C-alpha atoms as a PDB file:
ATOM      1  CA  MET A   1    -193.916-168.679 -68.353  1.00  0.00           C
ATOM      2  CA  ILE A   2    -191.070-169.207 -70.408  1.00  0.00           C
ATOM      3  CA  PHE A   3    -191.056-164.905 -70.719  1.00  0.00           C
ATOM      4  CA  ARG A   4    -191.501-164.366 -66.997  1.00  0.00           C
ATOM      5  CA  VAL A   5    -188.380-166.726 -66.272  1.00  0.00           C
ATOM      6  CA  ALA A   6    -186.312-164.983 -69.258  1.00  0.00           C
ATOM      7  CA  SER A   7    -186.845-161.659 -67.581  1.00  0.00           C
ATOM      8  CA  CYS A   8    -185.727-162.775 -64.056  1.00  0.00           C
ATOM      9  CA  ALA A   9    -182.605-164.432 -65.096  1.00  0.00           C
ATOM     10  CA  ASN A  10    -182.170-160.836 -66.754  1.00  0.00           C
ATOM     11  CA  MET A  11    -182.724-159.102 -64.229  1.00  0.00           C
ATOM     12  CA  ARG A  12    -180.375-160.847 -61.847  1.00  0.00           C
ATOM     13  CA  CYS A  13    -177.685-161.064 -64.257  1.00  0.00           C
ATOM     14  CA  CYS A  14    -178.149-157.205 -64.431  1.00  0.00           C
ATOM     15  CA  ARG A  15    -177.766-156.681 -60.788  1.00  0.00           C
ATOM     16  CA  PHE A  16    -175.153-159.280 -60.460  1.00  0.00           C
ATOM     17  CA  GLY A  17    -172.928-156.982 -62.927  1.00  0.00           C
ATOM     18  CA  SER A  18    -173.885-153.630 -61.312  1.00  0.00           C
ATOM     19  CA  ALA A  19    -172.644-155.515 -57.750  1.00  0.00           C
ATOM     20  CA  SER A  20    -169.771-156.687 -59.172  1.00  0.00           C
ATOM     21  CA  ASN A  21    -168.804-153.305 -61.589  1.00  0.00           C
ATOM     22  CA  LYS A  22    -169.676-151.523 -58.110  1.00  0.00           C
ATOM     23  CA  LEU A  23    -167.125-154.178 -55.936  1.00  0.00           C
ATOM     24  CA  MET A  24    -164.128-153.587 -58.768  1.00  0.00           C
ATOM     25  CA  ARG A  25    -164.546-149.451 -58.681  1.00  0.00           C
ATOM     26  CA  THR A  26    -164.105-149.801 -54.936  1.00  0.00           C
ATOM     27  CA  SER A  27    -161.226-152.136 -54.566  1.00  0.00           C
ATOM     28  CA  ASN A  28    -159.208-151.041 -57.448  1.00  0.00           C
ATOM     29  CA  ILE A  29    -159.764-153.438 -59.804  1.00  0.00           C
ATOM     30  CA  HIS A  30    -159.648-152.723 -63.386  1.00  0.00           C
ATOM     31  CA  ALA A  31    -162.193-155.117 -65.895  1.00  0.00           C
ATOM     32  CA  THR A  32    -161.309-155.929 -69.585  1.00  0.00           C
ATOM     33  CA  GLN A  33    -163.916-157.815 -71.772  1.00  0.00           C
ATOM     34  CA  LYS A  34    -162.767-159.940 -74.594  1.00  0.00           C
ATOM     35  CA  VAL A  35    -164.959-161.228 -77.556  1.00  0.00           C
ATOM     36  CA  VAL A  36    -163.747-164.758 -78.880  1.00  0.00           C
ATOM     37  CA  CYS A  37    -165.420-166.942 -81.013  1.00  0.00           C
ATOM     38  CA  TYR A  38    -165.047-170.877 -80.784  1.00  0.00           C
ATOM     39  CA  ARG A  39    -166.299-173.535 -82.680  1.00  0.00           C
ATOM     40  CA  GLY A  40    -168.934-171.015 -84.305  1.00  0.00           C
ATOM     41  CA  LYS A  41    -170.141-169.355 -80.994  1.00  0.00           C
ATOM     42  CA  SER A  42    -168.782-166.410 -79.512  1.00  0.00           C
ATOM     43  CA  ILE A  43    -167.316-166.069 -75.849  1.00  0.00           C
ATOM     44  CA  THR A  44    -166.745-163.232 -73.809  1.00  0.00           C
ATOM     45  CA  THR A  45    -163.599-163.552 -71.448  1.00  0.00           C
ATOM     46  CA  THR A  46    -163.526-160.795 -68.625  1.00  0.00           C
ATOM     47  CA  THR A  47    -159.560-160.096 -67.158  1.00  0.00           C
ATOM     48  CA  THR A  48    -158.996-158.269 -64.178  1.00  0.00           C
ATOM     49  CA  THR A  49    -155.810-156.089 -62.771  1.00  0.00           C
ATOM     50  CA  SER A  50    -155.119-154.124 -59.757  1.00  0.00           C
ATOM     51  CA  SER A  51    -154.082-150.900 -59.794  1.00  0.00           C
ATOM     52  CA  SER A  52    -151.000-151.317 -58.313  1.00  0.00           C
ATOM     53  CA  SER A  53    -149.884-153.754 -61.097  1.00  0.00           C
ATOM     54  CA  ALA A  54    -151.336-151.508 -63.547  1.00  0.00           C
ATOM     55  CA  LYS A  55    -149.199-148.990 -62.062  1.00  0.00           C
ATOM     56  CA  ALA A  56    -145.887-151.128 -61.977  1.00  0.00           C
ATOM     57  CA  SER A  57    -146.500-152.198 -65.446  1.00  0.00           C
ATOM     58  CA  ALA A  58    -146.548-148.355 -66.528  1.00  0.00           C
ATOM     59  CA  ASN A  59    -143.601-147.705 -64.342  1.00  0.00           C
ATOM     60  CA  ALA A  60    -141.707-150.186 -66.235  1.00  0.00           C
ATOM     61  CA  THR A  61    -143.164-149.092 -69.433  1.00  0.00           C
ATOM     62  CA  SER A  62    -142.499-145.263 -68.685  1.00  0.00           C
ATOM     63  CA  LYS A  63    -138.897-145.701 -68.171  1.00  0.00           C
ATOM     64  CA  PRO A  64    -136.369-144.941 -71.684  1.00  0.00           C
ATOM     65  CA  ALA A  65    -136.202-148.948 -72.507  1.00  0.00           C
ATOM     66  CA  MET A  66    -132.572-148.317 -73.603  1.00  0.00           C
ATOM     67  CA  PHE A  67    -131.229-146.849 -70.565  1.00  0.00           C
ATOM     68  CA  TYR A  68    -133.610-149.140 -68.566  1.00  0.00           C
ATOM     69  CA  GLU A  69    -132.098-152.327 -70.253  1.00  0.00           C
ATOM     70  CA  ILE A  70    -128.632-151.035 -69.938  1.00  0.00           C
ATOM     71  CA  MET A  71    -128.901-150.222 -65.895  1.00  0.00           C
ATOM     72  CA  THR A  72    -130.572-153.641 -65.424  1.00  0.00           C
ATOM     73  CA  LYS A  73    -129.117-155.697 -67.254  1.00  0.00           C
ATOM     74  CA  ARG A  74    -126.855-158.402 -64.847  1.00  0.00           C
ATOM     75  CA  ARG A  75    -123.497-158.641 -65.866  1.00  0.00           C
ATOM     76  CA  LYS A  76    -120.022-160.411 -64.503  1.00  0.00           C
ATOM     77  CA  LEU A  77    -117.468-158.479 -62.845  1.00  0.00           C
ATOM     78  CA  ILE A  78    -114.228-160.553 -62.910  1.00  0.00           C
ATOM     79  CA  LEU A  79    -112.205-159.427 -59.736  1.00  0.00           C
ATOM     80  CA  THR A  80    -110.143-162.633 -60.075  1.00  0.00           C
ATOM     81  CA  ASP A  81    -109.731-165.524 -62.005  1.00  0.00           C
ATOM     82  CA  LYS A  82    -111.890-167.127 -58.686  1.00  0.00           C
ATOM     83  CA  PHE A  83    -114.254-164.629 -57.712  1.00  0.00           C
ATOM     84  CA  GLN A  84    -117.076-163.149 -59.969  1.00  0.00           C
ATOM     85  CA  ILE A  85    -119.662-161.051 -59.244  1.00  0.00           C
ATOM     86  CA  ASP A  86    -123.124-161.055 -61.267  1.00  0.00           C
ATOM     87  CA  ILE A  87    -124.074-157.203 -60.714  1.00  0.00           C
ATOM     88  CA  SER A  88    -126.122-154.644 -62.627  1.00  0.00           C
ATOM     89  CA  TYR A  89    -124.996-150.945 -63.271  1.00  0.00           C
ATOM     90  CA  SER A  90    -127.871-149.710 -61.033  1.00  0.00           C
ATOM     91  CA  GLU A  91    -126.941-152.238 -58.245  1.00  0.00           C
ATOM     92  CA  LEU A  92    -122.962-151.215 -58.591  1.00  0.00           C
ATOM     93  CA  ALA A  93    -124.370-147.287 -58.242  1.00  0.00           C
ATOM     94  CA  GLY A  94    -126.412-148.486 -55.345  1.00  0.00           C
ATOM     95  CA  HIS A  95    -122.608-149.706 -53.666  1.00  0.00           C
ATOM     96  CA  SER A  96    -120.806-146.992 -55.053  1.00  0.00           C
ATOM     97  CA  SER A  97    -123.141-144.154 -53.254  1.00  0.00           C
ATOM     98  CA  PHE A  98    -122.700-145.975 -49.413  1.00  0.00           C
ATOM     99  CA  LEU A  99    -118.620-145.962 -50.147  1.00  0.00           C
ATOM    100  CA  LEU A 100    -118.955-142.450 -51.490  1.00  0.00           C
ATOM    101  CA  LEU A 101    -120.538-141.240 -48.588  1.00  0.00           C
ATOM    102  CA  ALA A 102    -118.318-143.552 -46.063  1.00  0.00           C
ATOM    103  CA  LYS A 103    -115.161-141.992 -48.135  1.00  0.00           C
ATOM    104  CA  SER A 104    -117.102-138.168 -47.505  1.00  0.00           C
ATOM    105  CA  TYR A 105    -117.556-138.980 -43.154  1.00  0.00           C
ATOM    106  CA  LEU A 106    -112.914-139.325 -43.431  1.00  0.00           C
ATOM    107  CA  GLU A 107    -112.320-135.940 -44.999  1.00  0.00           C
ATOM    108  CA  HIS A 108    -111.564-132.751 -43.680  1.00  0.00           C
ATOM    109  CA  ASP A 109    -111.455-130.512 -46.523  1.00  0.00           C
ATOM    110  CA  PRO A 110    -115.201-129.467 -46.768  1.00  0.00           C
ATOM    111  CA  LEU A 111    -115.433-128.937 -50.712  1.00  0.00           C
ATOM    112  CA  VAL A 112    -114.291-132.512 -51.024  1.00  0.00           C
ATOM    113  CA  LEU A 113    -116.313-133.951 -48.810  1.00  0.00           C
ATOM    114  CA  ARG A 114    -119.417-131.356 -50.214  1.00  0.00           C
ATOM    115  CA  SER A 115    -118.413-133.081 -53.650  1.00  0.00           C
ATOM    116  CA  LEU A 116    -118.460-136.430 -52.693  1.00  0.00           C
ATOM    117  CA  ALA A 117    -121.652-136.362 -50.725  1.00  0.00           C
ATOM    118  CA  MET A 118    -123.390-134.590 -53.734  1.00  0.00           C
ATOM    119  CA  THR A 119    -121.937-137.528 -55.780  1.00  0.00           C
ATOM    120  CA  GLY A 120    -123.305-140.665 -53.295  1.00  0.00           C
ATOM    121  CA  PHE A 121    -126.740-139.495 -53.112  1.00  0.00           C
ATOM    122  CA  GLY A 122    -126.583-139.157 -56.994  1.00  0.00           C
ATOM    123  CA  CYS A 123    -125.617-142.846 -57.364  1.00  0.00           C
ATOM    124  CA  MET A 124    -128.320-143.548 -54.857  1.00  0.00           C
ATOM    125  CA  SER A 125    -130.913-141.835 -56.891  1.00  0.00           C
ATOM    126  CA  LEU A 126    -129.979-143.758 -60.038  1.00  0.00           C
ATOM    127  CA  PHE A 127    -130.344-147.335 -57.552  1.00  0.00           C
ATOM    128  CA  GLN A 128    -133.733-146.570 -56.415  1.00  0.00           C
ATOM    129  CA  TYR A 129    -134.751-145.194 -60.204  1.00  0.00           C
ATOM    130  CA  TYR A 130    -133.973-148.044 -61.986  1.00  0.00           C
ATOM    131  CA  ARG A 131    -136.122-150.970 -60.058  1.00  0.00           C
ATOM    132  CA  PRO A 132    -138.908-152.378 -61.095  1.00  0.00           C
ATOM    133  CA  LYS A 133    -140.908-149.712 -58.892  1.00  0.00           C
ATOM    134  CA  PRO A 134    -139.228-146.906 -58.399  1.00  0.00           C
ATOM    135  CA  LEU A 135    -138.906-145.414 -54.861  1.00  0.00           C
ATOM    136  CA  TRP A 136    -140.192-141.588 -54.911  1.00  0.00           C
ATOM    137  CA  LEU A 137    -139.911-140.989 -51.620  1.00  0.00           C
ATOM    138  CA  PRO A 138    -135.713-141.383 -50.917  1.00  0.00           C
ATOM    139  CA  LEU A 139    -135.486-139.951 -54.364  1.00  0.00           C
ATOM    140  CA  ARG A 140    -137.463-136.691 -53.401  1.00  0.00           C
ATOM    141  CA  TRP A 141    -135.085-136.503 -50.598  1.00  0.00           C
ATOM    142  CA  ASN A 142    -132.067-136.943 -52.600  1.00  0.00           C
ATOM    143  CA  ALA A 143    -133.159-134.843 -54.723  1.00  0.00           C
ATOM    144  CA  VAL A 144    -132.882-131.964 -51.488  1.00  0.00           C
ATOM    145  CA  PHE A 145    -129.667-133.414 -50.145  1.00  0.00           C
ATOM    146  CA  ILE A 146    -128.235-132.829 -53.741  1.00  0.00           C
ATOM    147  CA  THR A 147    -129.237-129.155 -53.732  1.00  0.00           C
ATOM    148  CA  ILE A 148    -128.114-128.375 -50.511  1.00  0.00           C
ATOM    149  CA  ASN A 149    -124.959-129.809 -51.010  1.00  0.00           C
ATOM    150  CA  LEU A 150    -124.796-127.784 -54.527  1.00  0.00           C
ATOM    151  CA  GLY A 151    -125.467-124.635 -52.747  1.00  0.00           C
ATOM    152  CA  MET A 152    -122.665-125.413 -50.291  1.00  0.00           C
ATOM    153  CA  ILE A 153    -120.533-126.381 -53.096  1.00  0.00           C
ATOM    154  CA  ALA A 154    -120.824-122.881 -55.142  1.00  0.00           C
ATOM    155  CA  ILE A 155    -120.395-121.377 -52.088  1.00  0.00           C
ATOM    156  CA  LEU A 156    -117.227-122.530 -51.114  1.00  0.00           C
ATOM    157  CA  LEU A 157    -115.780-122.150 -54.798  1.00  0.00           C
ATOM    158  CA  ASP A 158    -116.569-118.390 -54.638  1.00  0.00           C
ATOM    159  CA  GLU A 159    -114.505-118.305 -51.567  1.00  0.00           C
ATOM    160  CA  ARG A 160    -111.458-120.023 -52.655  1.00  0.00           C
ATOM    161  CA  PHE A 161    -111.713-117.705 -55.842  1.00  0.00           C
ATOM    162  CA  GLN A 162    -111.946-114.794 -53.781  1.00  0.00           C
ATOM    163  CA  SER A 163    -108.938-115.693 -52.014  1.00  0.00           C
ATOM    164  CA  ARG A 164    -106.662-116.622 -54.967  1.00  0.00           C
ATOM    165  CA  GLU A 165    -104.616-113.561 -54.844  1.00  0.00           C
ATOM    166  CA  PHE A 166    -104.392-111.019 -51.732  1.00  0.00           C
ATOM    167  CA  PRO A 167    -102.348-107.910 -51.270  1.00  0.00           C
ATOM    168  CA  GLU A 168     -98.733-108.183 -50.948  1.00  0.00           C
ATOM    169  CA  GLU A 169     -98.613-107.264 -47.277  1.00  0.00           C
ATOM    170  CA  GLU A 170    -101.098-109.579 -46.357  1.00  0.00           C
ATOM    171  CA  GLU A 171     -99.752-112.392 -48.749  1.00  0.00           C
ATOM    172  CA  GLU A 172     -96.612-112.617 -47.423  1.00  0.00           C
ATOM    173  CA  LEU A 173     -97.966-112.399 -43.782  1.00  0.00           C
ATOM    174  CA  TYR A 174     -99.876-115.681 -44.949  1.00  0.00           C
ATOM    175  CA  GLN A 175     -97.036-117.377 -46.123  1.00  0.00           C
ATOM    176  CA  SER A 176     -94.865-116.398 -42.974  1.00  0.00           C
ATOM    177  CA  LEU A 177     -97.097-116.551 -40.378  1.00  0.00           C
ATOM    178  CA  PHE A 178    -100.571-118.121 -41.291  1.00  0.00           C
ATOM    179  CA  PHE A 179     -99.847-121.168 -43.350  1.00  0.00           C
ATOM    180  CA  PRO A 180     -97.603-122.862 -41.542  1.00  0.00           C
ATOM    181  CA  SER A 181     -99.974-123.551 -38.837  1.00  0.00           C
ATOM    182  CA  GLY A 182    -102.834-124.631 -41.341  1.00  0.00           C
ATOM    183  CA  ILE A 183    -104.824-121.847 -41.831  1.00  0.00           C
ATOM    184  CA  SER A 184    -106.531-121.991 -45.617  1.00  0.00           C
ATOM    185  CA  ARG A 185    -106.661-119.536 -47.790  1.00  0.00           C
ATOM    186  CA  PRO A 186    -110.267-118.659 -47.415  1.00  0.00           C
ATOM    187  CA  ASP A 187    -110.317-119.145 -43.292  1.00  0.00           C
ATOM    188  CA  PHE A 188    -107.271-116.172 -43.940  1.00  0.00           C
ATOM    189  CA  LEU A 189    -109.595-113.966 -46.435  1.00  0.00           C
ATOM    190  CA  HIS A 190    -112.047-114.036 -43.540  1.00  0.00           C
ATOM    191  CA  LEU A 191    -109.751-113.440 -40.673  1.00  0.00           C
ATOM    192  CA  MET A 192    -108.227-110.000 -42.982  1.00  0.00           C
ATOM    193  CA  GLU A 193    -112.074-109.536 -43.251  1.00  0.00           C
ATOM    194  CA  ILE A 194    -112.676-108.192 -39.574  1.00  0.00           C
ATOM    195  CA  CYS A 195    -109.363-107.010 -38.745  1.00  0.00           C
ATOM    196  CA  ARG A 196    -108.311-103.068 -38.744  1.00  0.00           C
ATOM    197  CA  LYS A 197    -104.779-101.941 -39.458  1.00  0.00           C
ATOM    198  CA  ARG A 198    -103.790 -99.010 -37.427  1.00  0.00           C
ATOM    199  CA  ARG A 199    -100.330 -96.756 -36.736  1.00  0.00           C
ATOM    200  CA  ALA A 200     -98.868 -97.274 -33.107  1.00  0.00           C
ATOM    201  CA  ASP A 201     -99.206 -92.959 -32.848  1.00  0.00           C
ATOM    202  CA  GLU A 202    -103.099 -93.446 -33.785  1.00  0.00           C
ATOM    203  CA  CYS A 203    -103.975 -96.109 -31.297  1.00  0.00           C
ATOM    204  CA  GLY A 204    -101.792 -94.641 -28.077  1.00  0.00           C
ATOM    205  CA  CYS A 205    -101.403 -97.286 -25.030  1.00  0.00           C
ATOM    206  CA  LEU A 206    -102.187-100.783 -26.768  1.00  0.00           C
ATOM    207  CA  ALA A 207    -102.666-102.765 -23.113  1.00  0.00           C
ATOM    208  CA  LYS A 208    -102.422-101.541 -19.814  1.00  0.00           C
ATOM    209  CA  GLN A 209    -101.811-103.892 -16.798  1.00  0.00           C
ATOM    210  CA  GLY A 210    -104.826-104.908 -14.907  1.00  0.00           C
ATOM    211  CA  ALA A 211    -107.173-103.106 -17.159  1.00  0.00           C
ATOM    212  CA  PRO A 212    -109.935-104.944 -19.209  1.00  0.00           C
ATOM    213  CA  GLN A 213    -108.064-106.100 -22.507  1.00  0.00           C
ATOM    214  CA  THR A 214    -110.525-106.376 -25.573  1.00  0.00           C
ATOM    215  CA  LYS A 215    -108.378-106.756 -28.192  1.00  0.00           C
ATOM    216  CA  LEU A 216    -105.893-109.221 -29.995  1.00  0.00           C
ATOM    217  CA  CYS A 217    -102.959-107.450 -31.644  1.00  0.00           C
ATOM    218  CA  LEU A 218    -100.399-108.483 -34.481  1.00  0.00           C
ATOM    219  CA  VAL A 219     -96.947-106.199 -34.730  1.00  0.00           C
ATOM    220  CA  LEU A 220     -96.715-105.845 -38.796  1.00  0.00           C
ATOM    221  CA  ASP A 221     -94.041-103.715 -38.895  1.00  0.00           C
ATOM    222  CA  GLY A 222     -91.965-101.866 -36.219  1.00  0.00           C
ATOM    223  CA  LYS A 223     -91.736-102.745 -32.207  1.00  0.00           C
ATOM    224  CA  ALA A 224     -93.540-102.633 -29.374  1.00  0.00           C
ATOM    225  CA  LYS A 225     -91.919-102.935 -25.513  1.00  0.00           C
ATOM    226  CA  VAL A 226     -93.778-105.189 -22.956  1.00  0.00           C
ATOM    227  CA  TYR A 227     -93.711-103.420 -19.946  1.00  0.00           C
ATOM    228  CA  ARG A 228     -94.846-105.422 -16.098  1.00  0.00           C
ATOM    229  CA  ASP A 229     -94.142-103.201 -13.095  1.00  0.00           C
ATOM    230  CA  GLY A 230     -92.203-100.552 -14.805  1.00  0.00           C
ATOM    231  CA  GLN A 231     -89.903-102.987 -16.343  1.00  0.00           C
ATOM    232  CA  VAL A 232     -89.330-103.842 -19.821  1.00  0.00           C
ATOM    233  CA  ILE A 233     -89.991-107.595 -19.824  1.00  0.00           C
ATOM    234  CA  ALA A 234     -89.844-108.014 -23.744  1.00  0.00           C
ATOM    235  CA  VAL A 235     -89.924-106.724 -26.780  1.00  0.00           C
ATOM    236  CA  LEU A 236     -92.083-107.668 -29.699  1.00  0.00           C
ATOM    237  CA  ARG A 237     -90.923-107.349 -33.576  1.00  0.00           C
ATOM    238  CA  LYS A 238     -92.578-108.023 -36.880  1.00  0.00           C
ATOM    239  CA  ASN A 239     -95.229-110.966 -37.152  1.00  0.00           C
ATOM    240  CA  GLN A 240     -95.515-111.209 -33.400  1.00  0.00           C
ATOM    241  CA  PHE A 241     -98.816-111.413 -31.288  1.00  0.00           C
ATOM    242  CA  PHE A 242     -99.587-109.762 -27.925  1.00  0.00           C
ATOM    243  CA  GLY A 243    -102.646-110.017 -25.944  1.00  0.00           C
ATOM    244  CA  GLU A 244    -103.237-113.122 -26.857  1.00  0.00           C
ATOM    245  CA  MET A 245    -102.801-114.588 -23.020  1.00  0.00           C
ATOM    246  CA  SER A 246    -106.200-112.461 -22.724  1.00  0.00           C
ATOM    247  CA  PHE A 247    -107.868-113.636 -25.194  1.00  0.00           C
ATOM    248  CA  ILE A 248    -107.233-116.909 -24.344  1.00  0.00           C
ATOM    249  CA  ASN A 249    -108.585-115.968 -20.712  1.00  0.00           C
ATOM    250  CA  PHE A 250    -111.474-114.498 -22.764  1.00  0.00           C
ATOM    251  CA  ARG A 251    -112.246-117.463 -24.824  1.00  0.00           C
ATOM    252  CA  GLU A 252    -112.511-119.545 -21.811  1.00  0.00           C
ATOM    253  CA  ALA A 253    -114.250-117.296 -19.571  1.00  0.00           C
ATOM    254  CA  HIS A 254    -117.115-117.159 -22.855  1.00  0.00           C
ATOM    255  CA  LEU A 255    -117.125-121.178 -23.351  1.00  0.00           C
ATOM    256  CA  ALA A 256    -117.903-121.251 -19.226  1.00  0.00           C
ATOM    257  CA  ARG A 257    -120.255-119.140 -19.578  1.00  0.00           C
ATOM    258  CA  ALA A 258    -122.063-120.853 -22.384  1.00  0.00           C
ATOM    259  CA  LEU A 259    -121.851-124.016 -20.439  1.00  0.00           C
ATOM    260  CA  ALA A 260    -123.429-121.946 -17.260  1.00  0.00           C
ATOM    261  CA  GLU A 261    -126.133-120.988 -19.409  1.00  0.00           C
ATOM    262  CA  ARG A 262    -126.965-124.030 -20.570  1.00  0.00           C
ATOM    263  CA  VAL A 263    -127.004-125.820 -17.189  1.00  0.00           C
ATOM    264  CA  GLY A 264    -128.565-123.158 -15.814  1.00  0.00           C
ATOM    265  CA  ARG A 265    -126.157-122.124 -13.154  1.00  0.00           C
ATOM    266  CA  ASP A 266    -126.777-118.692 -12.403  1.00  0.00           C
ATOM    267  CA  ASP A 267    -124.280-118.737  -9.649  1.00  0.00           C
ATOM    268  CA  GLU A 268    -121.612-119.505 -11.385  1.00  0.00           C
ATOM    269  CA  LEU A 269    -122.025-116.622 -13.936  1.00  0.00           C
ATOM    270  CA  LYS A 270    -121.539-114.167 -11.559  1.00  0.00           C
ATOM    271  CA  GLU A 271    -118.126-115.944 -10.988  1.00  0.00           C
ATOM    272  CA  ILE A 272    -116.881-115.391 -14.236  1.00  0.00           C
ATOM    273  CA  LYS A 273    -114.674-112.181 -14.787  1.00  0.00           C
ATOM    274  CA  LYS A 274    -113.572-110.142 -17.784  1.00  0.00           C
ATOM    275  CA  ALA A 275    -109.914-110.553 -19.228  1.00  0.00           C
ATOM    276  CA  ASN A 276    -107.539-108.467 -18.193  1.00  0.00           C
ATOM    277  CA  ALA A 277    -104.062-107.371 -19.553  1.00  0.00           C
ATOM    278  CA  THR A 278    -101.257-108.672 -17.628  1.00  0.00           C
ATOM    279  CA  ALA A 279     -98.992-106.378 -19.072  1.00  0.00           C
ATOM    280  CA  ASP A 280     -98.018-102.846 -20.484  1.00  0.00           C
ATOM    281  CA  ILE A 281     -97.465-102.427 -23.990  1.00  0.00           C
ATOM    282  CA  THR A 282     -96.277 -99.416 -25.909  1.00  0.00           C
ATOM    283  CA  ALA A 283     -95.436 -99.558 -29.820  1.00  0.00           C
ATOM    284  CA  ASP A 284     -92.969 -97.339 -31.808  1.00  0.00           C
ATOM    285  CA  ASP A 285     -94.801 -94.320 -33.371  1.00  0.00           C
ATOM    286  CA  ASP A 286     -94.062 -95.685 -36.512  1.00  0.00           C
ATOM    287  CA  ALA A 287     -95.061 -99.342 -36.289  1.00  0.00           C
ATOM    288  CA  GLU A 288     -97.952-101.012 -37.557  1.00  0.00           C
ATOM    289  CA  ILE A 289    -100.710-103.388 -35.636  1.00  0.00           C
ATOM    290  CA  MET A 290    -103.108-105.297 -36.598  1.00  0.00           C
ATOM    291  CA  ILE A 291    -106.107-105.418 -34.567  1.00  0.00           C
ATOM    292  CA  TRP A 292    -108.962-107.792 -33.787  1.00  0.00           C
ATOM    293  CA  ASP A 293    -111.616-107.308 -31.475  1.00  0.00           C
ATOM    294  CA  PHE A 294    -112.386-110.200 -29.459  1.00  0.00           C
ATOM    295  CA  ASP A 295    -116.018-110.399 -29.300  1.00  0.00           C
ATOM    296  CA  GLU A 296    -116.007-110.400 -33.564  1.00  0.00           C
ATOM    297  CA  LEU A 297    -112.607-112.770 -33.429  1.00  0.00           C
ATOM    298  CA  ASN A 298    -114.185-114.871 -30.825  1.00  0.00           C
ATOM    299  CA  ASP A 299    -117.723-115.255 -33.130  1.00  0.00           C
ATOM    300  CA  LEU A 300    -115.652-115.880 -36.135  1.00  0.00           C
ATOM    301  CA  LEU A 301    -114.092-118.885 -34.360  1.00  0.00           C
ATOM    302  CA  THR A 302    -117.135-120.310 -33.363  1.00  0.00           C
ATOM    303  CA  GLU A 303    -118.670-119.678 -36.569  1.00  0.00           C
ATOM    304  CA  ARG A 304    -115.916-121.665 -38.644  1.00  0.00           C
ATOM    305  CA  ARG A 305    -114.604-124.962 -36.883  1.00  0.00           C
ATOM    306  CA  THR A 306    -111.174-125.164 -39.048  1.00  0.00           C
ATOM    307  CA  LEU A 307    -110.466-121.614 -38.422  1.00  0.00           C
ATOM    308  CA  ARG A 308    -110.876-122.094 -34.728  1.00  0.00           C
ATOM    309  CA  ASN A 309    -108.098-125.110 -34.255  1.00  0.00           C
ATOM    310  CA  THR A 310    -105.675-123.432 -36.465  1.00  0.00           C
ATOM    311  CA  PHE A 311    -105.791-120.283 -35.149  1.00  0.00           C
ATOM    312  CA  ILE A 312    -105.233-120.822 -31.637  1.00  0.00           C
ATOM    313  CA  ALA A 313    -102.721-123.298 -32.973  1.00  0.00           C
ATOM    314  CA  CYS A 314    -100.991-120.587 -34.623  1.00  0.00           C
ATOM    315  CA  ILE A 315    -101.165-118.477 -31.479  1.00  0.00           C
ATOM    316  CA  ALA A 316     -99.768-120.911 -29.264  1.00  0.00           C
ATOM    317  CA  SER A 317     -96.582-121.163 -31.924  1.00  0.00           C
ATOM    318  CA  ASP A 318     -96.163-117.519 -31.053  1.00  0.00           C
ATOM    319  CA  LEU A 319     -96.129-117.798 -27.665  1.00  0.00           C
ATOM    320  CA  VAL A 320     -93.612-120.997 -27.408  1.00  0.00           C
ATOM    321  CA  LYS A 321     -91.430-119.280 -29.702  1.00  0.00           C
ATOM    322  CA  LYS A 322     -91.459-115.971 -27.431  1.00  0.00           C
ATOM    323  CA  LEU A 323     -91.133-118.396 -24.164  1.00  0.00           C
ATOM    324  CA  VAL A 324     -88.125-119.570 -26.149  1.00  0.00           C
ATOM    325  CA  GLU A 325     -86.558-116.546 -27.156  1.00  0.00           C
ATOM    326  CA  LYS A 326     -86.902-115.128 -23.486  1.00  0.00           C
ATOM    327  CA  GLU A 327     -85.417-118.492 -22.111  1.00  0.00           C
ATOM    328  CA  ALA A 328     -82.529-117.824 -24.366  1.00  0.00           C
ATOM    329  CA  GLU A 329     -81.761-114.441 -23.715  1.00  0.00           C
ATOM    330  CA  ARG A 330     -81.557-115.731 -19.995  1.00  0.00           C
ATOM    331  CA  SER A 331     -79.082-118.004 -20.457  1.00  0.00           C
ATOM    332  CA  ALA A 332     -77.276-115.650 -22.660  1.00  0.00           C
ATOM    333  CA  SER A 333     -77.194-113.217 -19.477  1.00  0.00           C
ATOM    334  CA  ALA A 334     -76.335-115.877 -17.217  1.00  0.00           C
ATOM    335  CA  SER A 335     -73.522-116.977 -18.703  1.00  0.00           C
ATOM    336  CA  THR A 336     -72.126-113.478 -19.619  1.00  0.00           C
ATOM    337  CA  ASP A 337     -72.653-113.333 -15.542  1.00  0.00           C
ATOM    338  CA  ASN A 338     -70.613-115.745 -15.238  1.00  0.00           C
ATOM    339  CA  GLU A 339     -67.958-115.153 -17.356  1.00  0.00           C
ATOM    340  CA  GLU A 340     -67.707-111.500 -15.439  1.00  0.00           C
ATOM    341  CA  GLY A 341     -68.131-113.228 -11.975  1.00  0.00           C
ATOM    342  CA  SER A 342     -64.787-115.551 -12.913  1.00  0.00           C
ATOM    343  CA  THR A 343     -62.555-112.675 -14.721  1.00  0.00           C
END
């Protein structure tokens, strides 16, 4: 009888033990048994820990102890005698990351913007790593953003390295015409890559009134005359554009075409006309001309937004100078006619 009761008790204990083991396996609970001697009797104690707490403790111990203590230790940041902040280096890195990102949004220089953004993401990664439990999802994304910014910084540095020195003629052109309008050296380098230099005797008639104009030209050396209805209305000299009004009309037509395609207004696409020259232009045989194709130049301005605004400003500045010179010539001729009439 005693044997049967003992065997039944052992069977129940086995069943209970197997059930508890199965429960601990399904609920990610780890059990640790420890034998303790108390008053001559051996007592078995069991401690259970969940997998999440085990991972948290493992993460805390897996970090280098020295760096973890340095980054998480609370310190007093004394700003003034009455204003002090209790903060750790990791929290300071977190605040710095948002300040750097905010500063990057205010920058116009792409290189400075990318550098601030990369540093901000790096500080944010420090804050997210030195936590009781690291945030691995944002840490991985921060690594992607840092890699992208590093690649863009390498491209920008390569452009600036290539644009450090220009040939003497191009350097003079940049300093006298493009630099005052705010065009950067890398942007000027891209402008030079798509332009073509020709002598006037190789180009023939540079523009014909009423005919489609597809090129923007700049006089590098010599002179060019502008005719309208057979009369000379202007003389273009060194570092002056012509064909700029046709290019402005072409760009407006291109923007209108893109807008009409976006909104699905096919009827307005037929009304857009190609840019036509407003005058005839011929240059001296020994004149040297720099030529940009409208399509290539428009694609470059669309791709590089910083160049788009500064180049249009450069064209507008040259146009204003020619209008001022034209008005001064008219005033001078009018005063001369008045003097002749009075005498």
